[in-house]
Amino acid sequence: MTLLGRVENGVVVFNNGATLPDGTPVQVTPLPDEASNASAVIAAMESEPHLTCDDIAELDRALAVGKRPAAAIDPFPEDAPGLP
């Protein structure tokens, strides 16, 4: 059985008013924050790695050096096999 709920004032309150008998052993695992959740964005910003301005400049330089023009590929060549 899985019951969903939320913490209110330090106590787990189950959705839909569900209850368990006193003494029921439980295991509580917090669910991960959703990507669109503001606290998830803040957590991502505060997590490793913490980049310095020099790190970012080095990455920008590496990206600039690695840029190449897109290959000119004709998706409809006239001499494709099987064409009349």
PDB file of N, CA and C in Angstrom:
ATOM      1  N   MET A   1       0.848  -1.168   0.000  1.00  0.00           N
ATOM      2  CA  MET A   1       0.000   0.000   0.000  1.00  0.00           C
ATOM      3  C   MET A   1       0.896   1.233   0.000  1.00  0.00           C
ATOM      4  N   THR A   2       0.552   2.211  -0.805  1.00  0.00           N
ATOM      5  CA  THR A   2       1.276   3.476  -0.853  1.00  0.00           C
ATOM      6  C   THR A   2       0.302   4.604  -0.561  1.00  0.00           C
ATOM      7  N   LEU A   3       0.640   5.414   0.420  1.00  0.00           N
ATOM      8  CA  LEU A   3      -0.170   6.576   0.757  1.00  0.00           C
ATOM      9  C   LEU A   3       0.650   7.822   0.467  1.00  0.00           C
ATOM     10  N   LEU A   4       0.042   8.785  -0.177  1.00  0.00           N
ATOM     11  CA  LEU A   4       0.709  10.051  -0.464  1.00  0.00           C
ATOM     12  C   LEU A   4       0.202  11.113   0.489  1.00  0.00           C
ATOM     13  N   GLY A   5       1.066  12.058   0.803  1.00  0.00           N
ATOM     14  CA  GLY A   5       0.669  13.133   1.694  1.00  0.00           C
ATOM     15  C   GLY A   5       1.671  14.258   1.644  1.00  0.00           C
ATOM     16  N   ARG A   6       1.653  15.082   2.673  1.00  0.00           N
ATOM     17  CA  ARG A   6       2.566  16.214   2.766  1.00  0.00           C
ATOM     18  C   ARG A   6       2.855  16.449   4.241  1.00  0.00           C
ATOM     19  N   VAL A   7       3.929  17.149   4.514  1.00  0.00           N
ATOM     20  CA  VAL A   7       4.285  17.459   5.895  1.00  0.00           C
ATOM     21  C   VAL A   7       3.687  18.812   6.260  1.00  0.00           C
ATOM     22  N   GLU A   8       2.966  18.835   7.375  1.00  0.00           N
ATOM     23  CA  GLU A   8       2.404  20.078   7.902  1.00  0.00           C
ATOM     24  C   GLU A   8       2.806  20.185   9.366  1.00  0.00           C
ATOM     25  N   ASN A   9       3.526  21.240   9.696  1.00  0.00           N
ATOM     26  CA  ASN A   9       3.992  21.448  11.075  1.00  0.00           C
ATOM     27  C   ASN A   9       4.751  20.231  11.604  1.00  0.00           C
ATOM     28  N   GLY A  10       5.561  19.614  10.740  1.00  0.00           N
ATOM     29  CA  GLY A  10       6.384  18.486  11.150  1.00  0.00           C
ATOM     30  C   GLY A  10       5.669  17.155  11.235  1.00  0.00           C
ATOM     31  N   VAL A  11       4.398  17.100  10.810  1.00  0.00           N
ATOM     32  CA  VAL A  11       3.619  15.865  10.875  1.00  0.00           C
ATOM     33  C   VAL A  11       3.153  15.502   9.467  1.00  0.00           C
ATOM     34  N   VAL A  12       3.234  14.211   9.120  1.00  0.00           N
ATOM     35  CA  VAL A  12       2.771  13.761   7.806  1.00  0.00           C
ATOM     36  C   VAL A  12       1.250  13.689   7.821  1.00  0.00           C
ATOM     37  N   VAL A  13       0.628  14.394   6.873  1.00  0.00           N
ATOM     38  CA  VAL A  13      -0.826  14.374   6.701  1.00  0.00           C
ATOM     39  C   VAL A  13      -1.093  13.712   5.359  1.00  0.00           C
ATOM     40  N   PHE A  14      -1.814  12.597   5.380  1.00  0.00           N
ATOM     41  CA  PHE A  14      -2.080  11.861   4.149  1.00  0.00           C
ATOM     42  C   PHE A  14      -3.172  12.527   3.328  1.00  0.00           C
ATOM     43  N   ASN A  15      -3.056  12.373   2.003  1.00  0.00           N
ATOM     44  CA  ASN A  15      -4.087  12.888   1.097  1.00  0.00           C
ATOM     45  C   ASN A  15      -5.396  12.138   1.334  1.00  0.00           C
ATOM     46  N   ASN A  16      -6.489  12.764   0.999  1.00  0.00           N
ATOM     47  CA  ASN A  16      -7.827  12.177   1.071  1.00  0.00           C
ATOM     48  C   ASN A  16      -8.208  11.726   2.470  1.00  0.00           C
ATOM     49  N   GLY A  17      -7.576  12.292   3.503  1.00  0.00           N
ATOM     50  CA  GLY A  17      -7.954  11.969   4.879  1.00  0.00           C
ATOM     51  C   GLY A  17      -7.610  10.558   5.313  1.00  0.00           C
ATOM     52  N   ALA A  18      -6.726   9.865   4.591  1.00  0.00           N
ATOM     53  CA  ALA A  18      -6.361   8.498   4.953  1.00  0.00           C
ATOM     54  C   ALA A  18      -5.685   8.486   6.322  1.00  0.00           C
ATOM     55  N   THR A  19      -5.886   7.420   7.061  1.00  0.00           N
ATOM     56  CA  THR A  19      -5.259   7.263   8.375  1.00  0.00           C
ATOM     57  C   THR A  19      -4.706   5.858   8.508  1.00  0.00           C
ATOM     58  N   LEU A  20      -3.814   5.687   9.451  1.00  0.00           N
ATOM     59  CA  LEU A  20      -3.267   4.379   9.802  1.00  0.00           C
ATOM     60  C   LEU A  20      -3.463   4.187  11.301  1.00  0.00           C
ATOM     61  N   PRO A  21      -3.649   2.946  11.745  1.00  0.00           N
ATOM     62  CA  PRO A  21      -3.800   2.715  13.181  1.00  0.00           C
ATOM     63  C   PRO A  21      -2.524   3.088  13.943  1.00  0.00           C
ATOM     64  N   ASP A  22      -2.671   3.574  15.169  1.00  0.00           N
ATOM     65  CA  ASP A  22      -1.512   3.887  16.010  1.00  0.00           C
ATOM     66  C   ASP A  22      -0.621   2.662  16.118  1.00  0.00           C
ATOM     67  N   GLY A  23       0.690   2.889  16.065  1.00  0.00           N
ATOM     68  CA  GLY A  23       1.644   1.802  16.185  1.00  0.00           C
ATOM     69  C   GLY A  23       2.016   1.146  14.870  1.00  0.00           C
ATOM     70  N   THR A  24       1.386   1.562  13.756  1.00  0.00           N
ATOM     71  CA  THR A  24       1.704   0.985  12.454  1.00  0.00           C
ATOM     72  C   THR A  24       3.115   1.396  12.060  1.00  0.00           C
ATOM     73  N   PRO A  25       4.004   0.409  11.786  1.00  0.00           N
ATOM     74  CA  PRO A  25       5.338   0.791  11.323  1.00  0.00           C
ATOM     75  C   PRO A  25       5.254   1.367   9.912  1.00  0.00           C
ATOM     76  N   VAL A  26       5.992   2.431   9.663  1.00  0.00           N
ATOM     77  CA  VAL A  26       5.984   3.076   8.347  1.00  0.00           C
ATOM     78  C   VAL A  26       7.405   3.406   7.928  1.00  0.00           C
ATOM     79  N   GLN A  27       7.586   3.615   6.639  1.00  0.00           N
ATOM     80  CA  GLN A  27       8.838   4.114   6.090  1.00  0.00           C
ATOM     81  C   GLN A  27       8.494   5.336   5.262  1.00  0.00           C
ATOM     82  N   VAL A  28       9.109   6.455   5.576  1.00  0.00           N
ATOM     83  CA  VAL A  28       8.814   7.706   4.878  1.00  0.00           C
ATOM     84  C   VAL A  28      10.009   8.076   4.009  1.00  0.00           C
ATOM     85  N   THR A  29       9.764   8.241   2.706  1.00  0.00           N
ATOM     86  CA  THR A  29      10.799   8.659   1.768  1.00  0.00           C
ATOM     87  C   THR A  29      10.309   9.910   1.060  1.00  0.00           C
ATOM     88  N   PRO A  30      10.953  11.059   1.284  1.00  0.00           N
ATOM     89  CA  PRO A  30      10.511  12.278   0.594  1.00  0.00           C
ATOM     90  C   PRO A  30      10.618  12.112  -0.917  1.00  0.00           C
ATOM     91  N   LEU A  31       9.622  12.596  -1.632  1.00  0.00           N
ATOM     92  CA  LEU A  31       9.633  12.545  -3.091  1.00  0.00           C
ATOM     93  C   LEU A  31      10.535  13.647  -3.621  1.00  0.00           C
ATOM     94  N   PRO A  32      11.188  13.408  -4.776  1.00  0.00           N
ATOM     95  CA  PRO A  32      12.038  14.466  -5.344  1.00  0.00           C
ATOM     96  C   PRO A  32      11.188  15.646  -5.800  1.00  0.00           C
ATOM     97  N   ASP A  33      11.803  16.820  -5.742  1.00  0.00           N
ATOM     98  CA  ASP A  33      11.111  18.017  -6.224  1.00  0.00           C
ATOM     99  C   ASP A  33      10.869  17.896  -7.718  1.00  0.00           C
ATOM    100  N   GLU A  34       9.767  18.438  -8.188  1.00  0.00           N
ATOM    101  CA  GLU A  34       9.489  18.461  -9.618  1.00  0.00           C
ATOM    102  C   GLU A  34      10.371  19.513 -10.273  1.00  0.00           C
ATOM    103  N   ALA A  35      10.706  19.282 -11.541  1.00  0.00           N
ATOM    104  CA  ALA A  35      11.607  20.196 -12.258  1.00  0.00           C
ATOM    105  C   ALA A  35      11.057  21.622 -12.320  1.00  0.00           C
ATOM    106  N   SER A  36       9.741  21.768 -12.345  1.00  0.00           N
ATOM    107  CA  SER A  36       9.164  23.108 -12.465  1.00  0.00           C
ATOM    108  C   SER A  36       8.982  23.779 -11.103  1.00  0.00           C
ATOM    109  N   ASN A  37       9.312  23.080 -10.055  1.00  0.00           N
ATOM    110  CA  ASN A  37       9.159  23.587  -8.711  1.00  0.00           C
ATOM    111  C   ASN A  37      10.261  24.603  -8.412  1.00  0.00           C
ATOM    112  N   ALA A  38       9.918  25.728  -7.845  1.00  0.00           N
ATOM    113  CA  ALA A  38      10.905  26.775  -7.556  1.00  0.00           C
ATOM    114  C   ALA A  38      11.991  26.269  -6.615  1.00  0.00           C
ATOM    115  N   SER A  39      11.635  25.427  -5.644  1.00  0.00           N
ATOM    116  CA  SER A  39      12.664  24.927  -4.722  1.00  0.00           C
ATOM    117  C   SER A  39      13.623  23.992  -5.440  1.00  0.00           C
ATOM    118  N   ALA A  40      13.162  23.295  -6.502  1.00  0.00           N
ATOM    119  CA  ALA A  40      14.054  22.428  -7.279  1.00  0.00           C
ATOM    120  C   ALA A  40      15.063  23.277  -8.055  1.00  0.00           C
ATOM    121  N   VAL A  41      14.628  24.410  -8.567  1.00  0.00           N
ATOM    122  CA  VAL A  41      15.532  25.304  -9.294  1.00  0.00           C
ATOM    123  C   VAL A  41      16.596  25.852  -8.347  1.00  0.00           C
ATOM    124  N   ILE A  42      16.186  26.256  -7.159  1.00  0.00           N
ATOM    125  CA  ILE A  42      17.136  26.782  -6.179  1.00  0.00           C
ATOM    126  C   ILE A  42      18.117  25.684  -5.758  1.00  0.00           C
ATOM    127  N   ALA A  43      17.612  24.471  -5.542  1.00  0.00           N
ATOM    128  CA  ALA A  43      18.487  23.356  -5.156  1.00  0.00           C
ATOM    129  C   ALA A  43      19.511  23.072  -6.251  1.00  0.00           C
ATOM    130  N   ALA A  44      19.094  23.127  -7.514  1.00  0.00           N
ATOM    131  CA  ALA A  44      20.023  22.889  -8.622  1.00  0.00           C
ATOM    132  C   ALA A  44      21.087  23.978  -8.683  1.00  0.00           C
ATOM    133  N   MET A  45      20.690  25.213  -8.425  1.00  0.00           N
ATOM    134  CA  MET A  45      21.645  26.319  -8.455  1.00  0.00           C
ATOM    135  C   MET A  45      22.666  26.201  -7.324  1.00  0.00           C
ATOM    136  N   GLU A  46      22.256  25.653  -6.198  1.00  0.00           N
ATOM    137  CA  GLU A  46      23.143  25.555  -5.044  1.00  0.00           C
ATOM    138  C   GLU A  46      23.986  24.284  -5.050  1.00  0.00           C
ATOM    139  N   SER A  47      23.685  23.342  -5.942  1.00  0.00           N
ATOM    140  CA  SER A  47      24.404  22.070  -5.957  1.00  0.00           C
ATOM    141  C   SER A  47      25.715  22.190  -6.733  1.00  0.00           C
ATOM    142  N   GLU A  48      26.577  21.201  -6.547  1.00  0.00           N
ATOM    143  CA  GLU A  48      27.861  21.149  -7.252  1.00  0.00           C
ATOM    144  C   GLU A  48      27.627  20.937  -8.736  1.00  0.00           C
ATOM    145  N   PRO A  49      28.491  21.310  -9.614  1.00  0.00           N
ATOM    146  CA  PRO A  49      29.720  22.035  -9.376  1.00  0.00           C
ATOM    147  C   PRO A  49      29.462  23.537  -9.318  1.00  0.00           C
ATOM    148  N   HIS A  50      30.243  24.208  -8.521  1.00  0.00           N
ATOM    149  CA  HIS A  50      30.183  25.672  -8.455  1.00  0.00           C
ATOM    150  C   HIS A  50      31.274  26.206  -9.380  1.00  0.00           C
ATOM    151  N   LEU A  51      30.892  26.890 -10.441  1.00  0.00           N
ATOM    152  CA  LEU A  51      31.845  27.374 -11.436  1.00  0.00           C
ATOM    153  C   LEU A  51      32.273  28.802 -11.129  1.00  0.00           C
ATOM    154  N   THR A  52      33.544  29.057 -11.398  1.00  0.00           N
ATOM    155  CA  THR A  52      34.053  30.420 -11.285  1.00  0.00           C
ATOM    156  C   THR A  52      33.881  31.110 -12.634  1.00  0.00           C
ATOM    157  N   CYS A  53      34.090  32.409 -12.652  1.00  0.00           N
ATOM    158  CA  CYS A  53      34.028  33.149 -13.917  1.00  0.00           C
ATOM    159  C   CYS A  53      35.095  32.630 -14.885  1.00  0.00           C
ATOM    160  N   ASP A  54      36.264  32.255 -14.367  1.00  0.00           N
ATOM    161  CA  ASP A  54      37.327  31.707 -15.221  1.00  0.00           C
ATOM    162  C   ASP A  54      36.904  30.371 -15.834  1.00  0.00           C
ATOM    163  N   ASP A  55      36.208  29.530 -15.052  1.00  0.00           N
ATOM    164  CA  ASP A  55      35.710  28.254 -15.579  1.00  0.00           C
ATOM    165  C   ASP A  55      34.760  28.488 -16.749  1.00  0.00           C
ATOM    166  N   ILE A  56      33.861  29.435 -16.590  1.00  0.00           N
ATOM    167  CA  ILE A  56      32.868  29.723 -17.630  1.00  0.00           C
ATOM    168  C   ILE A  56      33.549  30.287 -18.871  1.00  0.00           C
ATOM    169  N   ALA A  57      34.535  31.168 -18.677  1.00  0.00           N
ATOM    170  CA  ALA A  57      35.267  31.737 -19.820  1.00  0.00           C
ATOM    171  C   ALA A  57      36.012  30.641 -20.571  1.00  0.00           C
ATOM    172  N   GLU A  58      36.614  29.686 -19.841  1.00  0.00           N
ATOM    173  CA  GLU A  58      37.322  28.581 -20.479  1.00  0.00           C
ATOM    174  C   GLU A  58      36.359  27.709 -21.283  1.00  0.00           C
ATOM    175  N   LEU A  59      35.190  27.457 -20.743  1.00  0.00           N
ATOM    176  CA  LEU A  59      34.180  26.673 -21.470  1.00  0.00           C
ATOM    177  C   LEU A  59      33.738  27.407 -22.731  1.00  0.00           C
ATOM    178  N   ASP A  60      33.511  28.718 -22.630  1.00  0.00           N
ATOM    179  CA  ASP A  60      33.126  29.507 -23.805  1.00  0.00           C
ATOM    180  C   ASP A  60      34.199  29.438 -24.895  1.00  0.00           C
ATOM    181  N   ARG A  61      35.485  29.531 -24.484  1.00  0.00           N
ATOM    182  CA  ARG A  61      36.574  29.439 -25.461  1.00  0.00           C
ATOM    183  C   ARG A  61      36.593  28.059 -26.127  1.00  0.00           C
ATOM    184  N   ALA A  62      36.426  27.005 -25.342  1.00  0.00           N
ATOM    185  CA  ALA A  62      36.439  25.637 -25.895  1.00  0.00           C
ATOM    186  C   ALA A  62      35.282  25.431 -26.867  1.00  0.00           C
ATOM    187  N   LEU A  63      34.124  25.978 -26.548  1.00  0.00           N
ATOM    188  CA  LEU A  63      32.982  25.853 -27.456  1.00  0.00           C
ATOM    189  C   LEU A  63      33.233  26.613 -28.758  1.00  0.00           C
ATOM    190  N   ALA A  64      33.817  27.800 -28.659  1.00  0.00           N
ATOM    191  CA  ALA A  64      34.098  28.601 -29.858  1.00  0.00           C
ATOM    192  C   ALA A  64      35.094  27.887 -30.761  1.00  0.00           C
ATOM    193  N   VAL A  65      36.131  27.273 -30.182  1.00  0.00           N
ATOM    194  CA  VAL A  65      37.143  26.565 -30.971  1.00  0.00           C
ATOM    195  C   VAL A  65      36.523  25.349 -31.666  1.00  0.00           C
ATOM    196  N   GLY A  66      35.587  24.691 -31.015  1.00  0.00           N
ATOM    197  CA  GLY A  66      35.003  23.469 -31.564  1.00  0.00           C
ATOM    198  C   GLY A  66      33.872  23.687 -32.550  1.00  0.00           C
ATOM    199  N   LYS A  67      33.455  24.922 -32.764  1.00  0.00           N
ATOM    200  CA  LYS A  67      32.340  25.179 -33.688  1.00  0.00           C
ATOM    201  C   LYS A  67      32.759  24.904 -35.117  1.00  0.00           C
ATOM    202  N   ARG A  68      31.890  24.198 -35.835  1.00  0.00           N
ATOM    203  CA  ARG A  68      32.122  23.930 -37.255  1.00  0.00           C
ATOM    204  C   ARG A  68      30.815  24.179 -37.994  1.00  0.00           C
ATOM    205  N   PRO A  69      30.891  24.540 -39.249  1.00  0.00           N
ATOM    206  CA  PRO A  69      29.648  24.734 -40.000  1.00  0.00           C
ATOM    207  C   PRO A  69      28.946  23.396 -40.194  1.00  0.00           C
ATOM    208  N   ALA A  70      27.659  23.452 -40.325  1.00  0.00           N
ATOM    209  CA  ALA A  70      26.880  22.240 -40.560  1.00  0.00           C
ATOM    210  C   ALA A  70      27.243  21.653 -41.918  1.00  0.00           C
ATOM    211  N   ALA A  71      27.267  20.324 -41.983  1.00  0.00           N
ATOM    212  CA  ALA A  71      27.570  19.646 -43.250  1.00  0.00           C
ATOM    213  C   ALA A  71      26.441  19.891 -44.245  1.00  0.00           C
ATOM    214  N   ALA A  72      26.835  20.129 -45.502  1.00  0.00           N
ATOM    215  CA  ALA A  72      25.837  20.338 -46.559  1.00  0.00           C
ATOM    216  C   ALA A  72      25.455  18.972 -47.117  1.00  0.00           C
ATOM    217  N   ILE A  73      24.370  18.433 -46.623  1.00  0.00           N
ATOM    218  CA  ILE A  73      23.895  17.116 -47.067  1.00  0.00           C
ATOM    219  C   ILE A  73      22.593  17.324 -47.820  1.00  0.00           C
ATOM    220  N   ASP A  74      22.533  16.800 -49.028  1.00  0.00           N
ATOM    221  CA  ASP A  74      21.312  16.893 -49.831  1.00  0.00           C
ATOM    222  C   ASP A  74      20.420  15.706 -49.474  1.00  0.00           C
ATOM    223  N   PRO A  75      19.291  15.926 -48.804  1.00  0.00           N
ATOM    224  CA  PRO A  75      18.444  14.801 -48.409  1.00  0.00           C
ATOM    225  C   PRO A  75      17.721  14.155 -49.600  1.00  0.00           C
ATOM    226  N   PHE A  76      17.699  14.832 -50.733  1.00  0.00           N
ATOM    227  CA  PHE A  76      17.020  14.305 -51.913  1.00  0.00           C
ATOM    228  C   PHE A  76      17.933  14.349 -53.131  1.00  0.00           C
ATOM    229  N   PRO A  77      19.012  13.576 -53.142  1.00  0.00           N
ATOM    230  CA  PRO A  77      19.900  13.615 -54.306  1.00  0.00           C
ATOM    231  C   PRO A  77      19.196  13.050 -55.541  1.00  0.00           C
ATOM    232  N   GLU A  78      19.528  13.652 -56.697  1.00  0.00           N
ATOM    233  CA  GLU A  78      18.866  13.221 -57.952  1.00  0.00           C
ATOM    234  C   GLU A  78      19.368  11.862 -58.407  1.00  0.00           C
ATOM    235  N   ASP A  79      20.548  11.452 -57.992  1.00  0.00           N
ATOM    236  CA  ASP A  79      21.085  10.178 -58.448  1.00  0.00           C
ATOM    237  C   ASP A  79      20.891   9.074 -57.407  1.00  0.00           C
ATOM    238  N   ALA A  80      19.855   9.201 -56.576  1.00  0.00           N
ATOM    239  CA  ALA A  80      19.606   8.187 -55.539  1.00  0.00           C
ATOM    240  C   ALA A  80      19.196   6.883 -56.189  1.00  0.00           C
ATOM    241  N   PRO A  81      19.655   5.749 -55.650  1.00  0.00           N
ATOM    242  CA  PRO A  81      19.294   4.458 -56.215  1.00  0.00           C
ATOM    243  C   PRO A  81      17.783   4.250 -56.186  1.00  0.00           C
ATOM    244  N   GLY A  82      17.276   3.629 -57.231  1.00  0.00           N
ATOM    245  CA  GLY A  82      15.852   3.307 -57.301  1.00  0.00           C
ATOM    246  C   GLY A  82      14.986   4.388 -57.918  1.00  0.00           C
ATOM    247  N   LEU A  83      15.587   5.512 -58.286  1.00  0.00           N
ATOM    248  CA  LEU A  83      14.818   6.573 -58.937  1.00  0.00           C
ATOM    249  C   LEU A  83      14.897   6.405 -60.439  1.00  0.00           C
ATOM    250  N   PRO A  84      13.829   6.703 -61.125  1.00  0.00           N
ATOM    251  CA  PRO A  84      13.859   6.574 -62.609  1.00  0.00           C
ATOM    252  C   PRO A  84      14.737   7.594 -63.274  1.00  0.00           C
TER     253      PRO A  84
END
